[in-house]
Amino acid sequence: MRAMLAALLVAIGGLAATLAWELGAFASPDARIVPRARAAVVVAPAEAAPDHTGDWIAAILARPVFSPDRRPAVVASATGGRLPEGLPRLSGVVVGPFGRSAIFAADDRKPLVVDEGGRIGAWTVRTIDAGTVEVSGPGGARTLHPSFASSPASPAGATTPRQRIGLLSSQ
């Protein structure tokens, strides 16, 4: 019984010494880690930049986000804005670790998903990159960019009725 009590006291003393050492009680003051001084950030006085906030707000309010006639600016393509004969509109490009695909949308049928080397009519998809698809066919090689379907423009001055989105209470 005395041997077990002595072993328990030695274990307690050893654990207490280990805990004190871990907390740094036995470290000399020179060995303690001193935090480094942080460098002060000095900002050089610069000329005051013109405030364009009012212009930006006016531009945002002139083009409401959820307006049905809101479309991005048309980008001129290598084909001069015209699609090559027999080739549907390129509506999207998917590039990822699983492969590369181009999505072509025709007005009268479901979209076609074509991989590199695939064919659409007389055209062959040569390469697919993020934002561009290179095709070759009867008119030579062309580089296509995804584009939106053209929608009929709203008449000048015509406004669409606004819809209220949310829960409607019945009375």
C-alpha atoms as a PDB file:
ATOM      1  CA  MET A   1       0.000   0.000   0.000  1.00  0.00           C
ATOM      2  CA  ARG A   2       2.869   2.360   0.837  1.00  0.00           C
ATOM      3  CA  ALA A   3       4.547   1.592  -2.484  1.00  0.00           C
ATOM      4  CA  MET A   4       1.404   2.445  -4.377  1.00  0.00           C
ATOM      5  CA  LEU A   5       1.023   5.725  -2.467  1.00  0.00           C
ATOM      6  CA  ALA A   6       4.663   6.632  -3.159  1.00  0.00           C
ATOM      7  CA  ALA A   7       4.226   5.872  -6.891  1.00  0.00           C
ATOM      8  CA  LEU A   8       1.096   8.018  -6.968  1.00  0.00           C
ATOM      9  CA  LEU A   9       2.938  10.943  -5.311  1.00  0.00           C
ATOM     10  CA  VAL A  10       5.836  10.625  -7.783  1.00  0.00           C
ATOM     11  CA  ALA A  11       3.372  10.615 -10.717  1.00  0.00           C
ATOM     12  CA  ILE A  12       1.592  13.697  -9.345  1.00  0.00           C
ATOM     13  CA  GLY A  13       4.903  15.505  -8.901  1.00  0.00           C
ATOM     14  CA  GLY A  14       5.991  14.583 -12.429  1.00  0.00           C
ATOM     15  CA  LEU A  15       2.720  15.810 -13.944  1.00  0.00           C
ATOM     16  CA  ALA A  16       2.948  19.074 -11.963  1.00  0.00           C
ATOM     17  CA  ALA A  17       6.519  19.633 -13.188  1.00  0.00           C
ATOM     18  CA  THR A  18       5.495  18.908 -16.786  1.00  0.00           C
ATOM     19  CA  LEU A  19       2.589  21.323 -16.537  1.00  0.00           C
ATOM     20  CA  ALA A  20       4.813  24.076 -15.074  1.00  0.00           C
ATOM     21  CA  TRP A  21       7.405  23.514 -17.807  1.00  0.00           C
ATOM     22  CA  GLU A  22       4.695  23.682 -20.539  1.00  0.00           C
ATOM     23  CA  LEU A  23       3.425  26.959 -19.115  1.00  0.00           C
ATOM     24  CA  GLY A  24       6.921  28.405 -19.192  1.00  0.00           C
ATOM     25  CA  ALA A  25       7.542  28.740 -15.479  1.00  0.00           C
ATOM     26  CA  PHE A  26      11.096  27.449 -15.859  1.00  0.00           C
ATOM     27  CA  ALA A  27      12.010  29.508 -18.916  1.00  0.00           C
ATOM     28  CA  SER A  28      14.469  32.340 -18.512  1.00  0.00           C
ATOM     29  CA  PRO A  29      13.136  35.830 -19.271  1.00  0.00           C
ATOM     30  CA  ASP A  30      15.451  36.069 -22.300  1.00  0.00           C
ATOM     31  CA  ALA A  31      14.053  32.898 -23.842  1.00  0.00           C
ATOM     32  CA  ARG A  32      10.432  33.980 -23.746  1.00  0.00           C
ATOM     33  CA  ILE A  33       8.878  34.926 -27.069  1.00  0.00           C
ATOM     34  CA  VAL A  34       8.450  38.632 -27.406  1.00  0.00           C
ATOM     35  CA  PRO A  35       5.873  39.784 -29.959  1.00  0.00           C
ATOM     36  CA  ARG A  36       7.364  41.700 -32.856  1.00  0.00           C
ATOM     37  CA  ALA A  37       6.456  45.296 -33.328  1.00  0.00           C
ATOM     38  CA  ARG A  38       4.033  45.808 -36.177  1.00  0.00           C
ATOM     39  CA  ALA A  39       4.924  48.080 -39.021  1.00  0.00           C
ATOM     40  CA  ALA A  40       2.840  51.198 -39.154  1.00  0.00           C
ATOM     41  CA  VAL A  41       0.920  51.776 -42.350  1.00  0.00           C
ATOM     42  CA  VAL A  42       1.673  55.161 -43.779  1.00  0.00           C
ATOM     43  CA  VAL A  43      -0.685  56.474 -46.386  1.00  0.00           C
ATOM     44  CA  ALA A  44       0.788  59.174 -48.557  1.00  0.00           C
ATOM     45  CA  PRO A  45      -1.592  62.052 -49.094  1.00  0.00           C
ATOM     46  CA  ALA A  46      -2.931  61.746 -52.598  1.00  0.00           C
ATOM     47  CA  GLU A  47      -4.979  64.049 -54.706  1.00  0.00           C
ATOM     48  CA  ALA A  48      -8.647  63.644 -53.990  1.00  0.00           C
ATOM     49  CA  ALA A  49     -10.190  61.414 -56.638  1.00  0.00           C
ATOM     50  CA  PRO A  50     -13.317  62.825 -58.255  1.00  0.00           C
ATOM     51  CA  ASP A  51     -16.517  61.462 -56.758  1.00  0.00           C
ATOM     52  CA  HIS A  52     -18.447  59.558 -59.439  1.00  0.00           C
ATOM     53  CA  THR A  53     -21.058  58.131 -57.079  1.00  0.00           C
ATOM     54  CA  GLY A  54     -23.875  60.302 -58.427  1.00  0.00           C
ATOM     55  CA  ASP A  55     -23.105  59.261 -62.009  1.00  0.00           C
ATOM     56  CA  TRP A  56     -23.025  55.581 -61.045  1.00  0.00           C
ATOM     57  CA  ILE A  57     -26.341  55.785 -59.214  1.00  0.00           C
ATOM     58  CA  ALA A  58     -27.979  57.546 -62.172  1.00  0.00           C
ATOM     59  CA  ALA A  59     -26.703  54.834 -64.551  1.00  0.00           C
ATOM     60  CA  ILE A  60     -27.973  52.055 -62.275  1.00  0.00           C
ATOM     61  CA  LEU A  61     -31.401  53.597 -61.834  1.00  0.00           C
ATOM     62  CA  ALA A  62     -31.725  54.196 -65.580  1.00  0.00           C
ATOM     63  CA  ARG A  63     -31.415  50.433 -66.208  1.00  0.00           C
ATOM     64  CA  PRO A  64     -33.516  48.484 -63.672  1.00  0.00           C
ATOM     65  CA  VAL A  65     -32.160  45.024 -62.971  1.00  0.00           C
ATOM     66  CA  PHE A  66     -35.405  43.146 -63.512  1.00  0.00           C
ATOM     67  CA  SER A  67     -36.563  44.955 -66.619  1.00  0.00           C
ATOM     68  CA  PRO A  68     -37.634  42.472 -69.334  1.00  0.00           C
ATOM     69  CA  ASP A  69     -35.882  44.454 -72.070  1.00  0.00           C
ATOM     70  CA  ARG A  70     -32.529  44.651 -70.254  1.00  0.00           C
ATOM     71  CA  ARG A  71     -29.835  43.007 -72.378  1.00  0.00           C
ATOM     72  CA  PRO A  72     -26.057  43.332 -72.427  1.00  0.00           C
ATOM     73  CA  ALA A  73     -24.403  45.359 -75.145  1.00  0.00           C
ATOM     74  CA  VAL A  74     -23.995  43.470 -78.409  1.00  0.00           C
ATOM     75  CA  VAL A  75     -20.394  42.466 -79.030  1.00  0.00           C
ATOM     76  CA  ALA A  76     -19.243  42.375 -82.638  1.00  0.00           C
ATOM     77  CA  SER A  77     -17.928  38.947 -83.498  1.00  0.00           C
ATOM     78  CA  ALA A  78     -15.487  37.745 -86.096  1.00  0.00           C
ATOM     79  CA  THR A  79     -18.466  36.883 -88.287  1.00  0.00           C
ATOM     80  CA  GLY A  80     -19.696  40.468 -88.337  1.00  0.00           C
ATOM     81  CA  GLY A  81     -22.661  39.700 -86.068  1.00  0.00           C
ATOM     82  CA  ARG A  82     -24.085  37.081 -88.466  1.00  0.00           C
ATOM     83  CA  LEU A  83     -24.158  33.375 -87.790  1.00  0.00           C
ATOM     84  CA  PRO A  84     -22.489  31.150 -90.367  1.00  0.00           C
ATOM     85  CA  GLU A  85     -24.960  29.357 -92.643  1.00  0.00           C
ATOM     86  CA  GLY A  86     -26.416  26.215 -91.045  1.00  0.00           C
ATOM     87  CA  LEU A  87     -24.947  26.874 -87.600  1.00  0.00           C
ATOM     88  CA  PRO A  88     -27.279  27.579 -84.668  1.00  0.00           C
ATOM     89  CA  ARG A  89     -26.560  30.301 -82.108  1.00  0.00           C
ATOM     90  CA  LEU A  90     -23.884  29.494 -79.496  1.00  0.00           C
ATOM     91  CA  SER A  91     -25.704  30.000 -76.205  1.00  0.00           C
ATOM     92  CA  GLY A  92     -23.151  28.691 -73.696  1.00  0.00           C
ATOM     93  CA  VAL A  93     -19.798  27.087 -73.023  1.00  0.00           C
ATOM     94  CA  VAL A  94     -19.096  24.611 -70.223  1.00  0.00           C
ATOM     95  CA  VAL A  95     -15.438  24.036 -69.314  1.00  0.00           C
ATOM     96  CA  GLY A  96     -14.497  21.908 -66.323  1.00  0.00           C
ATOM     97  CA  PRO A  97     -12.517  18.930 -65.100  1.00  0.00           C
ATOM     98  CA  PHE A  98     -15.100  16.622 -66.645  1.00  0.00           C
ATOM     99  CA  GLY A  99     -14.625  17.973 -70.162  1.00  0.00           C
ATOM    100  CA  ARG A 100     -15.499  20.823 -72.504  1.00  0.00           C
ATOM    101  CA  SER A 101     -18.890  21.294 -74.121  1.00  0.00           C
ATOM    102  CA  ALA A 102     -20.550  23.914 -76.299  1.00  0.00           C
ATOM    103  CA  ILE A 103     -24.296  24.510 -76.116  1.00  0.00           C
ATOM    104  CA  PHE A 104     -25.975  25.560 -79.351  1.00  0.00           C
ATOM    105  CA  ALA A 105     -29.592  26.768 -79.277  1.00  0.00           C
ATOM    106  CA  ALA A 106     -31.863  26.625 -82.279  1.00  0.00           C
ATOM    107  CA  ASP A 107     -35.189  28.435 -82.305  1.00  0.00           C
ATOM    108  CA  ASP A 108     -37.327  25.457 -83.260  1.00  0.00           C
ATOM    109  CA  ARG A 109     -35.734  22.570 -81.300  1.00  0.00           C
ATOM    110  CA  LYS A 110     -33.976  21.638 -78.082  1.00  0.00           C
ATOM    111  CA  PRO A 111     -30.429  22.915 -77.458  1.00  0.00           C
ATOM    112  CA  LEU A 112     -27.579  20.783 -78.771  1.00  0.00           C
ATOM    113  CA  VAL A 113     -24.637  19.950 -76.502  1.00  0.00           C
ATOM    114  CA  VAL A 114     -21.506  19.221 -78.527  1.00  0.00           C
ATOM    115  CA  ASP A 115     -18.038  18.177 -77.319  1.00  0.00           C
ATOM    116  CA  GLU A 116     -14.745  18.960 -79.037  1.00  0.00           C
ATOM    117  CA  GLY A 117     -14.596  17.104 -82.336  1.00  0.00           C
ATOM    118  CA  GLY A 118     -18.391  16.886 -82.570  1.00  0.00           C
ATOM    119  CA  ARG A 119     -20.387  17.972 -85.604  1.00  0.00           C
ATOM    120  CA  ILE A 120     -23.356  20.271 -86.148  1.00  0.00           C
ATOM    121  CA  GLY A 121     -24.531  19.867 -89.696  1.00  0.00           C
ATOM    122  CA  ALA A 122     -21.575  20.679 -91.950  1.00  0.00           C
ATOM    123  CA  TRP A 123     -19.607  22.337 -89.119  1.00  0.00           C
ATOM    124  CA  THR A 124     -17.051  20.634 -86.860  1.00  0.00           C
ATOM    125  CA  VAL A 125     -16.258  21.934 -83.365  1.00  0.00           C
ATOM    126  CA  ARG A 126     -12.457  22.216 -83.282  1.00  0.00           C
ATOM    127  CA  THR A 127     -11.673  23.727 -79.868  1.00  0.00           C
ATOM    128  CA  ILE A 128     -13.680  24.876 -76.877  1.00  0.00           C
ATOM    129  CA  ASP A 129     -12.247  27.425 -74.455  1.00  0.00           C
ATOM    130  CA  ALA A 130     -13.859  29.521 -71.739  1.00  0.00           C
ATOM    131  CA  GLY A 131     -15.981  31.996 -73.671  1.00  0.00           C
ATOM    132  CA  THR A 132     -15.041  30.917 -77.201  1.00  0.00           C
ATOM    133  CA  VAL A 133     -15.668  28.027 -79.562  1.00  0.00           C
ATOM    134  CA  GLU A 134     -13.759  27.508 -82.788  1.00  0.00           C
ATOM    135  CA  VAL A 135     -15.633  25.762 -85.581  1.00  0.00           C
ATOM    136  CA  SER A 136     -14.611  24.851 -89.100  1.00  0.00           C
ATOM    137  CA  GLY A 137     -16.820  24.139 -92.046  1.00  0.00           C
ATOM    138  CA  PRO A 138     -17.764  25.279 -95.535  1.00  0.00           C
ATOM    139  CA  GLY A 139     -17.017  28.928 -94.773  1.00  0.00           C
ATOM    140  CA  GLY A 140     -13.619  28.206 -93.201  1.00  0.00           C
ATOM    141  CA  ALA A 141     -12.652  28.483 -89.557  1.00  0.00           C
ATOM    142  CA  ARG A 142     -14.731  30.757 -87.321  1.00  0.00           C
ATOM    143  CA  THR A 143     -14.489  31.752 -83.671  1.00  0.00           C
ATOM    144  CA  LEU A 144     -17.849  32.040 -81.940  1.00  0.00           C
ATOM    145  CA  HIS A 145     -18.764  33.701 -78.660  1.00  0.00           C
ATOM    146  CA  PRO A 146     -21.895  32.919 -76.615  1.00  0.00           C
ATOM    147  CA  SER A 147     -24.760  35.324 -77.297  1.00  0.00           C
ATOM    148  CA  PHE A 148     -28.253  35.921 -75.980  1.00  0.00           C
ATOM    149  CA  ALA A 149     -31.358  35.226 -77.979  1.00  0.00           C
ATOM    150  CA  SER A 150     -32.661  38.403 -79.516  1.00  0.00           C
ATOM    151  CA  SER A 151     -35.945  39.529 -78.029  1.00  0.00           C
ATOM    152  CA  PRO A 152     -38.402  41.930 -79.603  1.00  0.00           C
ATOM    153  CA  ALA A 153     -37.701  45.479 -78.481  1.00  0.00           C
ATOM    154  CA  SER A 154     -40.428  47.173 -76.490  1.00  0.00           C
ATOM    155  CA  PRO A 155     -42.050  50.147 -78.213  1.00  0.00           C
ATOM    156  CA  ALA A 156     -40.719  53.553 -77.207  1.00  0.00           C
ATOM    157  CA  GLY A 157     -42.435  54.868 -74.120  1.00  0.00           C
ATOM    158  CA  ALA A 158     -44.227  51.582 -73.435  1.00  0.00           C
ATOM    159  CA  THR A 159     -44.049  50.392 -69.881  1.00  0.00           C
ATOM    160  CA  THR A 160     -44.731  46.956 -68.568  1.00  0.00           C
ATOM    161  CA  PRO A 161     -47.090  46.614 -65.612  1.00  0.00           C
ATOM    162  CA  ARG A 162     -45.195  46.030 -62.424  1.00  0.00           C
ATOM    163  CA  GLN A 163     -45.900  42.858 -60.527  1.00  0.00           C
ATOM    164  CA  ARG A 164     -45.848  42.635 -56.787  1.00  0.00           C
ATOM    165  CA  ILE A 165     -43.825  39.685 -55.616  1.00  0.00           C
ATOM    166  CA  GLY A 166     -44.597  38.196 -52.241  1.00  0.00           C
ATOM    167  CA  LEU A 167     -47.490  36.843 -50.250  1.00  0.00           C
ATOM    168  CA  LEU A 168     -50.916  38.126 -51.115  1.00  0.00           C
ATOM    169  CA  SER A 169     -53.491  38.346 -48.374  1.00  0.00           C
ATOM    170  CA  SER A 170     -57.025  37.354 -49.290  1.00  0.00           C
ATOM    171  CA  GLN A 171     -59.755  39.668 -48.058  1.00  0.00           C
END
